[in-house]
Protein backbone atom coordinates (compact mmCIF):
# COMPACT_ATOMS: atom_id res chain seq x y z
CA MET A 1 -12.91 -2.85 -81.41
CA TYR A 2 -13.03 -4.89 -84.60
CA ARG A 3 -15.62 -7.48 -85.52
CA LEU A 4 -14.08 -10.88 -86.20
CA ILE A 5 -15.23 -13.08 -89.09
CA ILE A 6 -13.64 -16.52 -89.23
CA HIS A 7 -13.70 -18.41 -92.53
CA ARG A 8 -15.24 -21.87 -92.52
CA ARG A 9 -11.88 -23.62 -93.16
CA ALA A 10 -10.26 -21.80 -90.21
CA ALA A 11 -13.20 -22.58 -87.91
CA SER A 12 -13.11 -26.22 -88.99
CA TYR A 13 -9.41 -26.47 -88.22
CA LEU A 14 -9.95 -24.91 -84.78
CA GLN A 15 -12.72 -27.39 -83.96
CA LYS A 16 -10.48 -30.35 -84.80
CA LEU A 17 -7.73 -29.27 -82.39
CA PRO A 18 -7.53 -30.72 -78.87
CA LEU A 19 -9.03 -28.44 -76.22
CA ASN A 20 -5.63 -27.61 -74.72
CA GLN A 21 -4.64 -26.10 -78.10
CA GLN A 22 -8.05 -24.61 -78.93
CA GLU A 23 -8.37 -22.41 -75.86
CA PRO A 24 -5.15 -20.37 -76.33
CA LEU A 25 -6.01 -19.79 -79.99
CA LYS A 26 -9.55 -18.66 -79.18
CA ALA A 27 -8.23 -16.30 -76.50
CA ALA A 28 -5.68 -14.95 -78.98
CA LEU A 29 -8.43 -14.32 -81.56
CA LYS A 30 -10.38 -12.33 -78.96
CA ARG A 31 -7.27 -10.22 -78.30
CA LEU A 32 -6.89 -9.77 -82.05
CA ALA A 33 -10.39 -8.28 -82.23
CA ASP A 34 -9.43 -5.73 -79.56
CA ASN A 35 -6.30 -4.58 -81.39
CA PRO A 36 -5.05 -6.31 -84.57
CA PHE A 37 -1.55 -4.83 -84.19
CA ASN A 38 -1.03 -5.46 -80.47
CA SER A 39 1.40 -8.36 -80.73
CA PRO A 40 5.04 -8.14 -81.81
CA HIS A 41 4.40 -11.37 -83.72
CA VAL A 42 2.09 -9.65 -86.25
CA LYS A 43 3.78 -9.15 -89.61
CA ALA A 44 2.52 -7.71 -92.88
CA MET A 45 2.87 -10.21 -95.69
CA ALA A 46 4.35 -9.57 -99.13
CA GLY A 47 4.17 -10.99 -102.63
CA GLU A 48 1.01 -12.88 -103.50
CA TRP A 49 -0.10 -12.47 -99.87
CA GLN A 50 0.16 -8.67 -99.94
CA GLY A 51 -2.62 -7.07 -97.91
CA TYR A 52 -2.71 -9.97 -95.46
CA TYR A 53 -1.14 -10.16 -92.02
CA ARG A 54 0.27 -13.19 -90.28
CA TRP A 55 0.29 -13.71 -86.56
CA ARG A 56 2.26 -16.37 -84.76
CA VAL A 57 0.37 -17.89 -81.83
CA GLN A 58 2.43 -20.65 -80.24
CA ASN A 59 3.24 -23.02 -83.14
CA GLN A 60 0.20 -21.92 -85.18
CA ARG A 61 -0.20 -19.17 -87.76
CA VAL A 62 -3.26 -16.98 -88.14
CA ILE A 63 -3.58 -15.35 -91.57
CA TYR A 64 -6.01 -12.44 -91.73
CA TRP A 65 -6.81 -9.20 -93.53
CA LEU A 66 -8.50 -6.02 -92.34
CA ASP A 67 -11.41 -3.96 -93.56
CA ARG A 68 -10.57 -0.76 -91.69
CA GLU A 69 -13.57 1.17 -93.04
CA ASN A 70 -16.02 -1.29 -91.50
CA SER A 71 -13.79 -2.39 -88.58
CA VAL A 72 -13.83 -6.05 -89.60
CA ILE A 73 -11.06 -8.65 -89.38
CA TYR A 74 -11.37 -11.60 -91.76
CA VAL A 75 -9.47 -14.65 -90.51
CA ASP A 76 -8.89 -16.78 -93.60
CA TYR A 77 -6.45 -19.45 -92.39
CA VAL A 78 -5.36 -20.99 -89.11
CA GLY A 79 -2.83 -23.79 -89.01
CA PRO A 80 0.75 -24.88 -88.49
CA ARG A 81 3.44 -23.05 -90.43
CA ARG A 82 4.37 -26.08 -92.53
CA ASP A 83 0.84 -26.28 -93.96
CA ILE A 84 -0.51 -22.74 -93.92
CA TYR A 85 1.43 -21.35 -96.87
CA LYS A 86 0.51 -24.24 -99.17
CA GLN A 87 -3.05 -22.89 -99.50
């Protein structure tokens, strides 16, 4: 099992969502900690995002990277597709 570290900007975005959108994302993040490659919607990113993974959860994107040596997942961004890649 991986330890999950959520960046301040991702946590802030999650807190601003309505509860009916927050709960599925929080449950998905818990599943991510169990196995970061469990979903068919996980894709390795390329280009300037190389080393990161994206995960589609409903209409949101979760952008994260792994520290496999220490079993840590760093969630850097959470947001809708139209906004997430403008970071």
